[in-house]
Structures are given as C-alpha cells and as structure tokens.
Amino acid sequence: MEFGTWHHISTNRISSKLRSPAARARRLVQVTSFVVDSGLGFLFFLFIIGRISRSSLGFAGFWCVTQFTVPP
C-alpha cells in the first residue's frame, strides 16, 4: 500500500517536471548530447547544412565546417 502511494506521488512529480519548459529544454539537451555522442549528430548536422546549402553561402559554410570538424 505504501509503495503504491509513493509510486503514484513520484510519477505525478515526474510528469509535472516534464511539463515545465526548463525541464523540457534540459531533456532536449540530454537527447541532443546522446545523439551527438552516438555519432548520429554529425550526420544530422550534415543533413541540416545540406538543406541550408541551397545557396552558395550555405555551401561555403558547409565547406568550412567540414574542413574544421572532419579529421584528415
């Protein structure tokens, strides 16, 4: 009985934390850092740059980024 009540309270507390914008931002940062750590972040970044690089300026930015971030 006690465990069930405590579990219910903790679940409510967690869900209320997730509703706040700060917690949502923190969660987004956690997910983003996880994606970057797993190596998918760079592919995602390339995809975004590719979408931007319709213009020559975007392509120049893409070239600079690849020169500085990709190890030779």
PDB file of N, CA and C in Angstrom:
ATOM      1  N   MET A   1       0.841  -1.203   0.000  1.00  0.00           N
ATOM      2  CA  MET A   1       0.000   0.000   0.000  1.00  0.00           C
ATOM      3  C   MET A   1       0.876   1.252   0.000  1.00  0.00           C
ATOM      4  N   GLU A   2       1.851   1.278   0.898  1.00  0.00           N
ATOM      5  CA  GLU A   2       2.736   2.448   0.963  1.00  0.00           C
ATOM      6  C   GLU A   2       3.512   2.618  -0.336  1.00  0.00           C
ATOM      7  N   PHE A   3       4.011   1.501  -0.871  1.00  0.00           N
ATOM      8  CA  PHE A   3       4.795   1.590  -2.096  1.00  0.00           C
ATOM      9  C   PHE A   3       3.948   2.144  -3.247  1.00  0.00           C
ATOM     10  N   GLY A   4       2.715   1.678  -3.346  1.00  0.00           N
ATOM     11  CA  GLY A   4       1.820   2.143  -4.404  1.00  0.00           C
ATOM     12  C   GLY A   4       1.582   3.638  -4.302  1.00  0.00           C
ATOM     13  N   THR A   5       1.355   4.133  -3.083  1.00  0.00           N
ATOM     14  CA  THR A   5       1.119   5.558  -2.875  1.00  0.00           C
ATOM     15  C   THR A   5       2.368   6.361  -3.243  1.00  0.00           C
ATOM     16  N   TRP A   6       3.521   5.903  -2.791  1.00  0.00           N
ATOM     17  CA  TRP A   6       4.777   6.613  -3.082  1.00  0.00           C
ATOM     18  C   TRP A   6       5.022   6.639  -4.583  1.00  0.00           C
ATOM     19  N   HIS A   7       4.754   5.503  -5.242  1.00  0.00           N
ATOM     20  CA  HIS A   7       4.968   5.420  -6.683  1.00  0.00           C
ATOM     21  C   HIS A   7       4.060   6.411  -7.412  1.00  0.00           C
ATOM     22  N   HIS A   8       2.827   6.524  -6.953  1.00  0.00           N
ATOM     23  CA  HIS A   8       1.871   7.441  -7.577  1.00  0.00           C
ATOM     24  C   HIS A   8       2.345   8.887  -7.422  1.00  0.00           C
ATOM     25  N   ILE A   9       2.823   9.225  -6.226  1.00  0.00           N
ATOM     26  CA  ILE A   9       3.305  10.587  -5.963  1.00  0.00           C
ATOM     27  C   ILE A   9       4.525  10.884  -6.830  1.00  0.00           C
ATOM     28  N   SER A  10       5.466   9.947  -6.874  1.00  0.00           N
ATOM     29  CA  SER A  10       6.690  10.190  -7.650  1.00  0.00           C
ATOM     30  C   SER A  10       6.372  10.312  -9.140  1.00  0.00           C
ATOM     31  N   THR A  11       5.404   9.528  -9.627  1.00  0.00           N
ATOM     32  CA  THR A  11       5.020   9.612 -11.031  1.00  0.00           C
ATOM     33  C   THR A  11       4.429  10.986 -11.327  1.00  0.00           C
ATOM     34  N   ASN A  12       3.583  11.475 -10.420  1.00  0.00           N
ATOM     35  CA  ASN A  12       2.999  12.802 -10.603  1.00  0.00           C
ATOM     36  C   ASN A  12       4.085  13.872 -10.611  1.00  0.00           C
ATOM     37  N   ARG A  13       5.049  13.732  -9.721  1.00  0.00           N
ATOM     38  CA  ARG A  13       6.125  14.713  -9.631  1.00  0.00           C
ATOM     39  C   ARG A  13       6.933  14.730 -10.933  1.00  0.00           C
ATOM     40  N   ILE A  14       7.229  13.537 -11.470  1.00  0.00           N
ATOM     41  CA  ILE A  14       7.999  13.443 -12.709  1.00  0.00           C
ATOM     42  C   ILE A  14       7.230  14.071 -13.864  1.00  0.00           C
ATOM     43  N   SER A  15       5.940  13.765 -13.970  1.00  0.00           N
ATOM     44  CA  SER A  15       5.161  14.295 -15.082  1.00  0.00           C
ATOM     45  C   SER A  15       5.020  15.814 -14.979  1.00  0.00           C
ATOM     46  N   SER A  16       4.929  16.348 -13.763  1.00  0.00           N
ATOM     47  CA  SER A  16       4.833  17.799 -13.616  1.00  0.00           C
ATOM     48  C   SER A  16       6.164  18.456 -13.984  1.00  0.00           C
ATOM     49  N   LYS A  17       7.283  17.751 -13.696  1.00  0.00           N
ATOM     50  CA  LYS A  17       8.594  18.280 -14.095  1.00  0.00           C
ATOM     51  C   LYS A  17       8.706  18.329 -15.619  1.00  0.00           C
ATOM     52  N   LEU A  18       8.192  17.299 -16.281  1.00  0.00           N
ATOM     53  CA  LEU A  18       8.285  17.248 -17.737  1.00  0.00           C
ATOM     54  C   LEU A  18       7.456  18.347 -18.390  1.00  0.00           C
ATOM     55  N   ARG A  19       6.425  18.816 -17.694  1.00  0.00           N
ATOM     56  CA  ARG A  19       5.582  19.865 -18.276  1.00  0.00           C
ATOM     57  C   ARG A  19       6.263  21.225 -18.260  1.00  0.00           C
ATOM     58  N   SER A  20       7.181  21.446 -17.331  1.00  0.00           N
ATOM     59  CA  SER A  20       7.821  22.760 -17.250  1.00  0.00           C
ATOM     60  C   SER A  20       8.801  22.941 -18.407  1.00  0.00           C
ATOM     61  N   PRO A  21       8.872  24.141 -18.953  1.00  0.00           N
ATOM     62  CA  PRO A  21       9.741  24.393 -20.111  1.00  0.00           C
ATOM     63  C   PRO A  21      11.221  24.132 -19.820  1.00  0.00           C
ATOM     64  N   ALA A  22      11.663  24.461 -18.618  1.00  0.00           N
ATOM     65  CA  ALA A  22      13.066  24.260 -18.265  1.00  0.00           C
ATOM     66  C   ALA A  22      13.413  22.772 -18.305  1.00  0.00           C
ATOM     67  N   ALA A  23      12.533  21.954 -17.766  1.00  0.00           N
ATOM     68  CA  ALA A  23      12.775  20.511 -17.768  1.00  0.00           C
ATOM     69  C   ALA A  23      12.746  19.977 -19.194  1.00  0.00           C
ATOM     70  N   ARG A  24      11.838  20.528 -20.004  1.00  0.00           N
ATOM     71  CA  ARG A  24      11.744  20.084 -21.391  1.00  0.00           C
ATOM     72  C   ARG A  24      13.033  20.448 -22.135  1.00  0.00           C
ATOM     73  N   ALA A  25      13.563  21.646 -21.873  1.00  0.00           N
ATOM     74  CA  ALA A  25      14.807  22.081 -22.506  1.00  0.00           C
ATOM     75  C   ALA A  25      15.965  21.192 -22.060  1.00  0.00           C
ATOM     76  N   ARG A  26      15.981  20.868 -20.756  1.00  0.00           N
ATOM     77  CA  ARG A  26      17.034  20.001 -20.230  1.00  0.00           C
ATOM     78  C   ARG A  26      16.965  18.628 -20.895  1.00  0.00           C
ATOM     79  N   ARG A  27      15.743  18.128 -21.069  1.00  0.00           N
ATOM     80  CA  ARG A  27      15.546  16.835 -21.710  1.00  0.00           C
ATOM     81  C   ARG A  27      16.044  16.886 -23.152  1.00  0.00           C
ATOM     82  N   LEU A  28      15.748  17.981 -23.837  1.00  0.00           N
ATOM     83  CA  LEU A  28      16.182  18.144 -25.221  1.00  0.00           C
ATOM     84  C   LEU A  28      17.703  18.137 -25.309  1.00  0.00           C
ATOM     85  N   VAL A  29      18.348  18.812 -24.342  1.00  0.00           N
ATOM     86  CA  VAL A  29      19.810  18.841 -24.310  1.00  0.00           C
ATOM     87  C   VAL A  29      20.362  17.433 -24.081  1.00  0.00           C
ATOM     88  N   GLN A  30      19.723  16.683 -23.177  1.00  0.00           N
ATOM     89  CA  GLN A  30      20.170  15.314 -22.907  1.00  0.00           C
ATOM     90  C   GLN A  30      20.070  14.461 -24.169  1.00  0.00           C
ATOM     91  N   VAL A  31      18.940  14.564 -24.848  1.00  0.00           N
ATOM     92  CA  VAL A  31      18.734  13.779 -26.068  1.00  0.00           C
ATOM     93  C   VAL A  31      19.739  14.195 -27.129  1.00  0.00           C
ATOM     94  N   THR A  32      19.933  15.508 -27.275  1.00  0.00           N
ATOM     95  CA  THR A  32      20.864  16.018 -28.283  1.00  0.00           C
ATOM     96  C   THR A  32      22.278  15.535 -28.010  1.00  0.00           C
ATOM     97  N   SER A  33      22.717  15.632 -26.741  1.00  0.00           N
ATOM     98  CA  SER A  33      24.076  15.202 -26.403  1.00  0.00           C
ATOM     99  C   SER A  33      24.237  13.700 -26.621  1.00  0.00           C
ATOM    100  N   PHE A  34      23.161  12.945 -26.337  1.00  0.00           N
ATOM    101  CA  PHE A  34      23.217  11.497 -26.572  1.00  0.00           C
ATOM    102  C   PHE A  34      23.382  11.216 -28.064  1.00  0.00           C
ATOM    103  N   VAL A  35      22.629  11.921 -28.884  1.00  0.00           N
ATOM    104  CA  VAL A  35      22.692  11.719 -30.336  1.00  0.00           C
ATOM    105  C   VAL A  35      24.072  12.088 -30.856  1.00  0.00           C
ATOM    106  N   VAL A  36      24.613  13.205 -30.361  1.00  0.00           N
ATOM    107  CA  VAL A  36      25.946  13.643 -30.785  1.00  0.00           C
ATOM    108  C   VAL A  36      26.995  12.616 -30.359  1.00  0.00           C
ATOM    109  N   ASP A  37      26.879  12.122 -29.114  1.00  0.00           N
ATOM    110  CA  ASP A  37      27.834  11.131 -28.614  1.00  0.00           C
ATOM    111  C   ASP A  37      27.780   9.850 -29.430  1.00  0.00           C
ATOM    112  N   SER A  38      26.597   9.496 -29.898  1.00  0.00           N
ATOM    113  CA  SER A  38      26.463   8.250 -30.651  1.00  0.00           C
ATOM    114  C   SER A  38      26.952   8.404 -32.080  1.00  0.00           C
ATOM    115  N   GLY A  39      27.307   9.618 -32.489  1.00  0.00           N
ATOM    116  CA  GLY A  39      27.866   9.825 -33.815  1.00  0.00           C
ATOM    117  C   GLY A  39      26.824  10.163 -34.861  1.00  0.00           C
ATOM    118  N   LEU A  40      25.551  10.016 -34.507  1.00  0.00           N
ATOM    119  CA  LEU A  40      24.492  10.348 -35.458  1.00  0.00           C
ATOM    120  C   LEU A  40      24.318  11.853 -35.577  1.00  0.00           C
ATOM    121  N   GLY A  41      24.771  12.555 -34.545  1.00  0.00           N
ATOM    122  CA  GLY A  41      24.610  14.009 -34.544  1.00  0.00           C
ATOM    123  C   GLY A  41      25.294  14.665 -35.726  1.00  0.00           C
ATOM    124  N   PHE A  42      26.465  14.130 -36.094  1.00  0.00           N
ATOM    125  CA  PHE A  42      27.193  14.735 -37.206  1.00  0.00           C
ATOM    126  C   PHE A  42      26.446  14.535 -38.521  1.00  0.00           C
ATOM    127  N   LEU A  43      25.865  13.338 -38.694  1.00  0.00           N
ATOM    128  CA  LEU A  43      25.082  13.086 -39.903  1.00  0.00           C
ATOM    129  C   LEU A  43      23.864  14.004 -39.955  1.00  0.00           C
ATOM    130  N   PHE A  44      23.230  14.180 -38.792  1.00  0.00           N
ATOM    131  CA  PHE A  44      22.074  15.063 -38.708  1.00  0.00           C
ATOM    132  C   PHE A  44      22.478  16.492 -39.027  1.00  0.00           C
ATOM    133  N   PHE A  45      23.658  16.895 -38.515  1.00  0.00           N
ATOM    134  CA  PHE A  45      24.191  18.228 -38.765  1.00  0.00           C
ATOM    135  C   PHE A  45      24.458  18.410 -40.265  1.00  0.00           C
ATOM    136  N   LEU A  46      25.050  17.391 -40.888  1.00  0.00           N
ATOM    137  CA  LEU A  46      25.302  17.445 -42.331  1.00  0.00           C
ATOM    138  C   LEU A  46      23.995  17.597 -43.101  1.00  0.00           C
ATOM    139  N   PHE A  47      22.958  16.881 -42.634  1.00  0.00           N
ATOM    140  CA  PHE A  47      21.656  16.961 -43.284  1.00  0.00           C
ATOM    141  C   PHE A  47      21.101  18.383 -43.216  1.00  0.00           C
ATOM    142  N   ILE A  48      21.194  18.996 -42.022  1.00  0.00           N
ATOM    143  CA  ILE A  48      20.702  20.368 -41.841  1.00  0.00           C
ATOM    144  C   ILE A  48      21.496  21.328 -42.722  1.00  0.00           C
ATOM    145  N   ILE A  49      22.821  21.186 -42.704  1.00  0.00           N
ATOM    146  CA  ILE A  49      23.676  22.051 -43.531  1.00  0.00           C
ATOM    147  C   ILE A  49      23.328  21.855 -45.007  1.00  0.00           C
ATOM    148  N   GLY A  50      23.083  20.607 -45.388  1.00  0.00           N
ATOM    149  CA  GLY A  50      22.721  20.309 -46.771  1.00  0.00           C
ATOM    150  C   GLY A  50      21.437  21.010 -47.177  1.00  0.00           C
ATOM    151  N   ARG A  51      20.487  21.067 -46.241  1.00  0.00           N
ATOM    152  CA  ARG A  51      19.230  21.760 -46.525  1.00  0.00           C
ATOM    153  C   ARG A  51      19.469  23.256 -46.680  1.00  0.00           C
ATOM    154  N   ILE A  52      20.391  23.785 -45.859  1.00  0.00           N
ATOM    155  CA  ILE A  52      20.683  25.217 -45.905  1.00  0.00           C
ATOM    156  C   ILE A  52      21.497  25.554 -47.153  1.00  0.00           C
ATOM    157  N   SER A  53      22.333  24.616 -47.568  1.00  0.00           N
ATOM    158  CA  SER A  53      23.332  24.928 -48.599  1.00  0.00           C
ATOM    159  C   SER A  53      22.750  25.011 -50.001  1.00  0.00           C
ATOM    160  N   ARG A  54      21.476  25.365 -50.127  1.00  0.00           N
ATOM    161  CA  ARG A  54      20.917  25.643 -51.440  1.00  0.00           C
ATOM    162  C   ARG A  54      21.618  26.876 -52.018  1.00  0.00           C
ATOM    163  N   SER A  55      22.010  27.767 -51.123  1.00  0.00           N
ATOM    164  CA  SER A  55      22.707  28.973 -51.570  1.00  0.00           C
ATOM    165  C   SER A  55      24.213  28.744 -51.513  1.00  0.00           C
ATOM    166  N   SER A  56      24.975  29.558 -52.234  1.00  0.00           N
ATOM    167  CA  SER A  56      26.428  29.406 -52.249  1.00  0.00           C
ATOM    168  C   SER A  56      27.018  29.729 -50.876  1.00  0.00           C
ATOM    169  N   LEU A  57      26.374  30.655 -50.154  1.00  0.00           N
ATOM    170  CA  LEU A  57      26.848  30.993 -48.813  1.00  0.00           C
ATOM    171  C   LEU A  57      26.728  29.775 -47.900  1.00  0.00           C
ATOM    172  N   GLY A  58      25.605  29.077 -48.000  1.00  0.00           N
ATOM    173  CA  GLY A  58      25.405  27.867 -47.216  1.00  0.00           C
ATOM    174  C   GLY A  58      26.443  26.817 -47.564  1.00  0.00           C
ATOM    175  N   PHE A  59      26.765  26.721 -48.852  1.00  0.00           N
ATOM    176  CA  PHE A  59      27.762  25.739 -49.273  1.00  0.00           C
ATOM    177  C   PHE A  59      29.141  26.102 -48.737  1.00  0.00           C
ATOM    178  N   ALA A  60      29.462  27.399 -48.740  1.00  0.00           N
ATOM    179  CA  ALA A  60      30.749  27.848 -48.204  1.00  0.00           C
ATOM    180  C   ALA A  60      30.827  27.531 -46.715  1.00  0.00           C
ATOM    181  N   GLY A  61      29.720  27.760 -45.988  1.00  0.00           N
ATOM    182  CA  GLY A  61      29.675  27.429 -44.567  1.00  0.00           C
ATOM    183  C   GLY A  61      29.845  25.942 -44.341  1.00  0.00           C
ATOM    184  N   PHE A  62      29.194  25.158 -45.193  1.00  0.00           N
ATOM    185  CA  PHE A  62      29.296  23.702 -45.113  1.00  0.00           C
ATOM    186  C   PHE A  62      30.743  23.254 -45.334  1.00  0.00           C
ATOM    187  N   TRP A  63      31.404  23.860 -46.328  1.00  0.00           N
ATOM    188  CA  TRP A  63      32.793  23.515 -46.630  1.00  0.00           C
ATOM    189  C   TRP A  63      33.703  23.841 -45.446  1.00  0.00           C
ATOM    190  N   CYS A  64      33.517  25.032 -44.858  1.00  0.00           N
ATOM    191  CA  CYS A  64      34.330  25.441 -43.701  1.00  0.00           C
ATOM    192  C   CYS A  64      34.127  24.475 -42.536  1.00  0.00           C
ATOM    193  N   VAL A  65      32.877  24.121 -42.280  1.00  0.00           N
ATOM    194  CA  VAL A  65      32.574  23.212 -41.169  1.00  0.00           C
ATOM    195  C   VAL A  65      33.258  21.870 -41.383  1.00  0.00           C
ATOM    196  N   THR A  66      33.181  21.341 -42.603  1.00  0.00           N
ATOM    197  CA  THR A  66      33.794  20.034 -42.856  1.00  0.00           C
ATOM    198  C   THR A  66      35.310  20.121 -42.750  1.00  0.00           C
ATOM    199  N   GLN A  67      35.899  21.227 -43.161  1.00  0.00           N
ATOM    200  CA  GLN A  67      37.347  21.374 -43.071  1.00  0.00           C
ATOM    201  C   GLN A  67      37.823  21.379 -41.623  1.00  0.00           C
ATOM    202  N   PHE A  68      37.036  22.023 -40.752  1.00  0.00           N
ATOM    203  CA  PHE A  68      37.483  22.176 -39.365  1.00  0.00           C
ATOM    204  C   PHE A  68      37.064  21.028 -38.455  1.00  0.00           C
ATOM    205  N   THR A  69      36.002  20.301 -38.822  1.00  0.00           N
ATOM    206  CA  THR A  69      35.496  19.283 -37.896  1.00  0.00           C
ATOM    207  C   THR A  69      35.871  17.867 -38.292  1.00  0.00           C
ATOM    208  N   VAL A  70      36.060  17.595 -39.582  1.00  0.00           N
ATOM    209  CA  VAL A  70      36.378  16.231 -40.004  1.00  0.00           C
ATOM    210  C   VAL A  70      37.885  16.008 -39.908  1.00  0.00           C
ATOM    211  N   PRO A  71      38.320  15.008 -39.157  1.00  0.00           N
ATOM    212  CA  PRO A  71      39.763  14.751 -39.060  1.00  0.00           C
ATOM    213  C   PRO A  71      40.309  14.285 -40.400  1.00  0.00           C
ATOM    214  N   PRO A  72      41.496  14.694 -40.773  1.00  0.00           N
ATOM    215  CA  PRO A  72      42.075  14.331 -42.071  1.00  0.00           C
ATOM    216  C   PRO A  72      42.406  12.841 -42.155  1.00  0.00           C
TER     217      PRO A  72
END
